């Protein structure tokens, strides 16, 4: 996403044989990536790149700082499983996340390996040209869109503000009903369901 075959061939860097890996990254593509972080300042980065398994964490963070990406924004990486593809690894990370709720996310990749149900959050870049300004703009739109109501699937609805996220309501069958991802309209109409 922040390097491209076009840039590597133009700068004779195609085989990654340099002592300084910073030469592998296109400053224009890094700038495009940073526009996302500037437009959505609360955004944080989870690495799913194959590079996450090639370098120790400290070296990877030093590399990100050296090319102009604030390593303090990087808070983790997806698991690397030999039996899974990139989409499955991203889904595993989302399923295992135990910190504050993820309000929105975007996946930037030049391959759509196993993205499947995550497609609404996927921006496919080109391995040849990398992260363009247009793709960065699309990523910003995805990060800024309202969440989808898990009951009616509308995105333009105002989400229900849960006063007590640990409060549990039961439906007629005695099953817990989670309203955390419901819009205000669906929550107000819930009397028939609960």
C-alpha atoms as a PDB file:
ATOM      1  CA  UNK A   1       0.000   0.000   0.000  1.00  0.00           C
ATOM      2  CA  UNK A   2       2.844   2.423   0.760  1.00  0.00           C
ATOM      3  CA  UNK A   3       5.231   0.884  -1.721  1.00  0.00           C
ATOM      4  CA  UNK A   4       4.546  -0.181  -5.284  1.00  0.00           C
ATOM      5  CA  UNK A   5       6.199  -2.135  -8.044  1.00  0.00           C
ATOM      6  CA  UNK A   6       6.166   1.022 -10.159  1.00  0.00           C
ATOM      7  CA  UNK A   7       8.139   2.955  -7.516  1.00  0.00           C
ATOM      8  CA  UNK A   8      10.525   0.078  -6.811  1.00  0.00           C
ATOM      9  CA  UNK A   9      11.325  -0.451 -10.504  1.00  0.00           C
ATOM     10  CA  UNK A  10      11.668   3.298 -11.134  1.00  0.00           C
ATOM     11  CA  UNK A  11      14.168   3.553  -8.288  1.00  0.00           C
ATOM     12  CA  UNK A  12      15.878   0.239  -9.070  1.00  0.00           C
ATOM     13  CA  UNK A  13      14.804  -1.143  -5.680  1.00  0.00           C
ATOM     14  CA  UNK A  14      12.756  -4.098  -6.851  1.00  0.00           C
ATOM     15  CA  UNK A  15      14.592  -6.890  -5.034  1.00  0.00           C
ATOM     16  CA  UNK A  16      14.692  -5.340  -1.503  1.00  0.00           C
ATOM     17  CA  UNK A  17      18.492  -5.724  -1.409  1.00  0.00           C
ATOM     18  CA  UNK A  18      19.372  -2.402   0.200  1.00  0.00           C
ATOM     19  CA  UNK A  19      20.750  -1.862   3.668  1.00  0.00           C
ATOM     20  CA  UNK A  20      18.153   0.850   4.199  1.00  0.00           C
ATOM     21  CA  UNK A  21      14.599  -0.408   3.821  1.00  0.00           C
ATOM     22  CA  UNK A  22      13.370   3.195   3.898  1.00  0.00           C
ATOM     23  CA  UNK A  23      14.244   3.367   0.199  1.00  0.00           C
ATOM     24  CA  UNK A  24      11.514   0.795  -0.518  1.00  0.00           C
ATOM     25  CA  UNK A  25       8.686   3.169   0.351  1.00  0.00           C
ATOM     26  CA  UNK A  26       7.288   5.838  -1.936  1.00  0.00           C
ATOM     27  CA  UNK A  27       7.080   9.173  -0.061  1.00  0.00           C
ATOM     28  CA  UNK A  28       3.974  10.129  -2.052  1.00  0.00           C
ATOM     29  CA  UNK A  29       2.185   6.937  -0.989  1.00  0.00           C
ATOM     30  CA  UNK A  30       3.263   7.444   2.623  1.00  0.00           C
ATOM     31  CA  UNK A  31       1.809  10.976   2.384  1.00  0.00           C
ATOM     32  CA  UNK A  32      -1.447   9.504   1.036  1.00  0.00           C
ATOM     33  CA  UNK A  33      -1.531   7.126   4.009  1.00  0.00           C
ATOM     34  CA  UNK A  34      -0.859   9.966   6.427  1.00  0.00           C
ATOM     35  CA  UNK A  35      -3.808  11.944   5.002  1.00  0.00           C
ATOM     36  CA  UNK A  36      -6.020   9.193   6.417  1.00  0.00           C
ATOM     37  CA  UNK A  37      -4.470   9.614   9.878  1.00  0.00           C
ATOM     38  CA  UNK A  38      -4.809  13.397   9.647  1.00  0.00           C
ATOM     39  CA  UNK A  39      -8.465  13.219   8.561  1.00  0.00           C
ATOM     40  CA  UNK A  40      -9.343  10.673  11.265  1.00  0.00           C
ATOM     41  CA  UNK A  41      -6.993  11.576  14.155  1.00  0.00           C
ATOM     42  CA  UNK A  42      -8.462   8.957  16.494  1.00  0.00           C
ATOM     43  CA  UNK A  43      -7.549   6.206  13.999  1.00  0.00           C
ATOM     44  CA  UNK A  44      -5.075   3.586  15.104  1.00  0.00           C
ATOM     45  CA  UNK A  45      -3.139   1.088  13.009  1.00  0.00           C
ATOM     46  CA  UNK A  46      -3.161  -2.701  13.157  1.00  0.00           C
ATOM     47  CA  UNK A  47      -0.580  -4.298  10.878  1.00  0.00           C
ATOM     48  CA  UNK A  48      -1.634  -7.234   8.731  1.00  0.00           C
ATOM     49  CA  UNK A  49       1.250  -6.932   6.281  1.00  0.00           C
ATOM     50  CA  UNK A  50       3.437  -9.955   5.626  1.00  0.00           C
ATOM     51  CA  UNK A  51       6.305  -7.775   6.884  1.00  0.00           C
ATOM     52  CA  UNK A  52       4.983  -8.202  10.438  1.00  0.00           C
ATOM     53  CA  UNK A  53       6.519 -11.684  10.511  1.00  0.00           C
ATOM     54  CA  UNK A  54       9.826 -10.663   8.900  1.00  0.00           C
ATOM     55  CA  UNK A  55      11.056  -8.110  11.436  1.00  0.00           C
ATOM     56  CA  UNK A  56      11.126  -7.774  15.209  1.00  0.00           C
ATOM     57  CA  UNK A  57       8.526  -5.309  16.543  1.00  0.00           C
ATOM     58  CA  UNK A  58      11.093  -2.645  17.504  1.00  0.00           C
ATOM     59  CA  UNK A  59      12.708  -2.710  14.063  1.00  0.00           C
ATOM     60  CA  UNK A  60       9.329  -2.463  12.380  1.00  0.00           C
ATOM     61  CA  UNK A  61       8.385   0.534  14.543  1.00  0.00           C
ATOM     62  CA  UNK A  62      11.734   2.204  13.783  1.00  0.00           C
ATOM     63  CA  UNK A  63      11.117   1.615  10.078  1.00  0.00           C
ATOM     64  CA  UNK A  64       7.639   3.169  10.260  1.00  0.00           C
ATOM     65  CA  UNK A  65       9.030   6.250  12.020  1.00  0.00           C
ATOM     66  CA  UNK A  66      11.877   6.496   9.490  1.00  0.00           C
ATOM     67  CA  UNK A  67       9.518   6.537   6.507  1.00  0.00           C
ATOM     68  CA  UNK A  68       7.199   9.079   8.130  1.00  0.00           C
ATOM     69  CA  UNK A  69       4.419   7.023   9.735  1.00  0.00           C
ATOM     70  CA  UNK A  70       3.980   7.684  13.450  1.00  0.00           C
ATOM     71  CA  UNK A  71       4.675   4.329  15.106  1.00  0.00           C
ATOM     72  CA  UNK A  72       2.722   5.462  18.198  1.00  0.00           C
ATOM     73  CA  UNK A  73      -0.436   5.020  16.084  1.00  0.00           C
ATOM     74  CA  UNK A  74       0.409   1.319  15.591  1.00  0.00           C
ATOM     75  CA  UNK A  75      -1.169  -0.644  18.424  1.00  0.00           C
ATOM     76  CA  UNK A  76      -0.859  -4.225  17.251  1.00  0.00           C
ATOM     77  CA  UNK A  77      -0.847  -6.740  14.465  1.00  0.00           C
ATOM     78  CA  UNK A  78      -3.091  -9.518  13.263  1.00  0.00           C
ATOM     79  CA  UNK A  79      -2.176 -13.095  14.137  1.00  0.00           C
ATOM     80  CA  UNK A  80      -0.153 -14.998  11.570  1.00  0.00           C
ATOM     81  CA  UNK A  81      -1.563 -18.468  11.045  1.00  0.00           C
ATOM     82  CA  UNK A  82      -0.234 -20.856   8.407  1.00  0.00           C
ATOM     83  CA  UNK A  83      -3.722 -22.293   7.884  1.00  0.00           C
ATOM     84  CA  UNK A  84      -5.505 -18.969   7.373  1.00  0.00           C
ATOM     85  CA  UNK A  85      -5.615 -16.184   4.835  1.00  0.00           C
ATOM     86  CA  UNK A  86      -5.387 -12.434   5.408  1.00  0.00           C
ATOM     87  CA  UNK A  87      -9.158 -11.990   5.788  1.00  0.00           C
ATOM     88  CA  UNK A  88      -9.362 -14.771   8.362  1.00  0.00           C
ATOM     89  CA  UNK A  89      -6.449 -13.275  10.298  1.00  0.00           C
ATOM     90  CA  UNK A  90      -8.167  -9.873  10.352  1.00  0.00           C
ATOM     91  CA  UNK A  91     -11.430 -11.476  11.491  1.00  0.00           C
ATOM     92  CA  UNK A  92      -9.546 -13.354  14.260  1.00  0.00           C
ATOM     93  CA  UNK A  93      -8.077 -10.061  15.443  1.00  0.00           C
ATOM     94  CA  UNK A  94     -11.512  -8.385  15.481  1.00  0.00           C
ATOM     95  CA  UNK A  95     -13.076 -11.343  17.320  1.00  0.00           C
ATOM     96  CA  UNK A  96     -10.314 -11.385  19.947  1.00  0.00           C
ATOM     97  CA  UNK A  97     -10.171  -7.605  20.536  1.00  0.00           C
ATOM     98  CA  UNK A  98     -10.908  -6.942  24.217  1.00  0.00           C
ATOM     99  CA  UNK A  99     -10.279  -3.193  24.507  1.00  0.00           C
ATOM    100  CA  UNK A 100     -12.690  -0.350  23.711  1.00  0.00           C
ATOM    101  CA  UNK A 101     -15.261  -1.158  20.999  1.00  0.00           C
ATOM    102  CA  UNK A 102     -14.106  -0.725  17.413  1.00  0.00           C
ATOM    103  CA  UNK A 103     -16.376   1.948  15.931  1.00  0.00           C
ATOM    104  CA  UNK A 104     -15.089   1.599  12.392  1.00  0.00           C
ATOM    105  CA  UNK A 105     -12.187   0.083  10.530  1.00  0.00           C
ATOM    106  CA  UNK A 106     -10.769  -0.057   7.050  1.00  0.00           C
ATOM    107  CA  UNK A 107      -8.600  -2.713   5.429  1.00  0.00           C
ATOM    108  CA  UNK A 108      -6.012  -1.471   2.925  1.00  0.00           C
ATOM    109  CA  UNK A 109      -4.492  -4.233   0.820  1.00  0.00           C
ATOM    110  CA  UNK A 110      -3.519  -5.057  -2.737  1.00  0.00           C
ATOM    111  CA  UNK A 111      -4.914  -8.586  -2.393  1.00  0.00           C
ATOM    112  CA  UNK A 112      -8.449  -9.625  -1.493  1.00  0.00           C
ATOM    113  CA  UNK A 113      -7.446 -12.941   0.076  1.00  0.00           C
ATOM    114  CA  UNK A 114     -10.433 -14.144   2.062  1.00  0.00           C
ATOM    115  CA  UNK A 115     -11.901 -10.682   2.710  1.00  0.00           C
ATOM    116  CA  UNK A 116     -15.467 -12.005   2.248  1.00  0.00           C
ATOM    117  CA  UNK A 117     -17.760 -10.535   4.927  1.00  0.00           C
ATOM    118  CA  UNK A 118     -15.265  -7.709   5.574  1.00  0.00           C
ATOM    119  CA  UNK A 119     -15.691  -6.368   2.032  1.00  0.00           C
ATOM    120  CA  UNK A 120     -17.652  -3.260   3.164  1.00  0.00           C
ATOM    121  CA  UNK A 121     -14.503  -2.190   5.007  1.00  0.00           C
ATOM    122  CA  UNK A 122     -12.031  -3.105   2.265  1.00  0.00           C
ATOM    123  CA  UNK A 123     -10.155  -0.712  -0.023  1.00  0.00           C
ATOM    124  CA  UNK A 124      -8.203  -2.627  -2.622  1.00  0.00           C
ATOM    125  CA  UNK A 125      -5.051  -0.922  -3.742  1.00  0.00           C
ATOM    126  CA  UNK A 126      -2.934  -1.833  -6.729  1.00  0.00           C
ATOM    127  CA  UNK A 127       0.412  -3.546  -6.191  1.00  0.00           C
ATOM    128  CA  UNK A 128       1.617  -1.620  -9.221  1.00  0.00           C
ATOM    129  CA  UNK A 129       0.691   1.904  -8.041  1.00  0.00           C
ATOM    130  CA  UNK A 130       0.016   1.595  -4.287  1.00  0.00           C
ATOM    131  CA  UNK A 131      -2.295   3.782  -2.188  1.00  0.00           C
ATOM    132  CA  UNK A 132      -3.574   6.578  -4.405  1.00  0.00           C
ATOM    133  CA  UNK A 133      -5.220   9.785  -3.191  1.00  0.00           C
ATOM    134  CA  UNK A 134      -8.584   8.441  -4.388  1.00  0.00           C
ATOM    135  CA  UNK A 135      -8.156   5.206  -2.404  1.00  0.00           C
ATOM    136  CA  UNK A 136      -7.079   7.205   0.678  1.00  0.00           C
ATOM    137  CA  UNK A 137     -10.249   9.303   0.306  1.00  0.00           C
ATOM    138  CA  UNK A 138     -12.357   6.133   0.145  1.00  0.00           C
ATOM    139  CA  UNK A 139     -10.636   4.845   3.315  1.00  0.00           C
ATOM    140  CA  UNK A 140     -11.486   8.118   5.090  1.00  0.00           C
ATOM    141  CA  UNK A 141     -15.134   7.788   4.013  1.00  0.00           C
ATOM    142  CA  UNK A 142     -15.290   4.248   5.413  1.00  0.00           C
ATOM    143  CA  UNK A 143     -13.741   5.317   8.720  1.00  0.00           C
ATOM    144  CA  UNK A 144     -16.129   8.274   9.054  1.00  0.00           C
ATOM    145  CA  UNK A 145     -19.370   6.527   8.102  1.00  0.00           C
ATOM    146  CA  UNK A 146     -21.917   5.763  10.739  1.00  0.00           C
ATOM    147  CA  UNK A 147     -22.024   2.196  12.016  1.00  0.00           C
ATOM    148  CA  UNK A 148     -24.616  -0.185  10.636  1.00  0.00           C
ATOM    149  CA  UNK A 149     -27.553  -1.100  12.870  1.00  0.00           C
ATOM    150  CA  UNK A 150     -27.341  -4.840  13.557  1.00  0.00           C
ATOM    151  CA  UNK A 151     -31.137  -5.063  13.669  1.00  0.00           C
ATOM    152  CA  UNK A 152     -32.300  -3.188  10.539  1.00  0.00           C
ATOM    153  CA  UNK A 153     -28.940  -2.905   8.664  1.00  0.00           C
ATOM    154  CA  UNK A 154     -29.349   0.848   8.060  1.00  0.00           C
ATOM    155  CA  UNK A 155     -26.201   2.962   8.138  1.00  0.00           C
ATOM    156  CA  UNK A 156     -27.760   6.419   8.273  1.00  0.00           C
ATOM    157  CA  UNK A 157     -29.517   5.830  11.579  1.00  0.00           C
ATOM    158  CA  UNK A 158     -28.392   7.358  14.861  1.00  0.00           C
ATOM    159  CA  UNK A 159     -27.042   4.593  17.051  1.00  0.00           C
ATOM    160  CA  UNK A 160     -28.644   3.948  20.424  1.00  0.00           C
ATOM    161  CA  UNK A 161     -26.570   5.397  23.274  1.00  0.00           C
ATOM    162  CA  UNK A 162     -26.430   2.739  25.946  1.00  0.00           C
ATOM    163  CA  UNK A 163     -26.527   4.334  29.397  1.00  0.00           C
ATOM    164  CA  UNK A 164     -25.439   1.095  31.041  1.00  0.00           C
ATOM    165  CA  UNK A 165     -23.687  -1.243  28.582  1.00  0.00           C
ATOM    166  CA  UNK A 166     -23.905  -4.067  31.139  1.00  0.00           C
ATOM    167  CA  UNK A 167     -27.679  -3.837  31.472  1.00  0.00           C
ATOM    168  CA  UNK A 168     -29.237  -6.977  30.049  1.00  0.00           C
ATOM    169  CA  UNK A 169     -32.735  -7.294  28.657  1.00  0.00           C
ATOM    170  CA  UNK A 170     -34.356 -10.621  27.815  1.00  0.00           C
ATOM    171  CA  UNK A 171     -36.720 -11.461  24.975  1.00  0.00           C
ATOM    172  CA  UNK A 172     -39.803 -13.691  25.267  1.00  0.00           C
ATOM    173  CA  UNK A 173     -37.631 -16.817  25.010  1.00  0.00           C
ATOM    174  CA  UNK A 174     -35.433 -15.648  27.910  1.00  0.00           C
ATOM    175  CA  UNK A 175     -32.455 -14.936  25.634  1.00  0.00           C
ATOM    176  CA  UNK A 176     -30.257 -11.889  26.182  1.00  0.00           C
ATOM    177  CA  UNK A 177     -30.791  -9.071  23.681  1.00  0.00           C
ATOM    178  CA  UNK A 178     -27.741  -6.895  22.970  1.00  0.00           C
ATOM    179  CA  UNK A 179     -28.762  -3.364  21.992  1.00  0.00           C
ATOM    180  CA  UNK A 180     -25.218  -2.004  21.701  1.00  0.00           C
ATOM    181  CA  UNK A 181     -25.315  -2.128  17.895  1.00  0.00           C
ATOM    182  CA  UNK A 182     -28.941  -1.056  17.417  1.00  0.00           C
ATOM    183  CA  UNK A 183     -30.100   2.309  16.108  1.00  0.00           C
ATOM    184  CA  UNK A 184     -32.399   4.560  18.162  1.00  0.00           C
ATOM    185  CA  UNK A 185     -35.441   3.667  16.033  1.00  0.00           C
ATOM    186  CA  UNK A 186     -35.019  -0.090  16.473  1.00  0.00           C
ATOM    187  CA  UNK A 187     -34.383   0.318  20.205  1.00  0.00           C
ATOM    188  CA  UNK A 188     -37.549   2.388  20.622  1.00  0.00           C
ATOM    189  CA  UNK A 189     -39.543  -0.244  18.702  1.00  0.00           C
ATOM    190  CA  UNK A 190     -38.144  -3.110  20.795  1.00  0.00           C
ATOM    191  CA  UNK A 191     -41.183  -3.444  23.100  1.00  0.00           C
ATOM    192  CA  UNK A 192     -42.594  -6.084  20.757  1.00  0.00           C
ATOM    193  CA  UNK A 193     -39.344  -8.056  20.888  1.00  0.00           C
ATOM    194  CA  UNK A 194     -38.473  -7.841  24.563  1.00  0.00           C
END
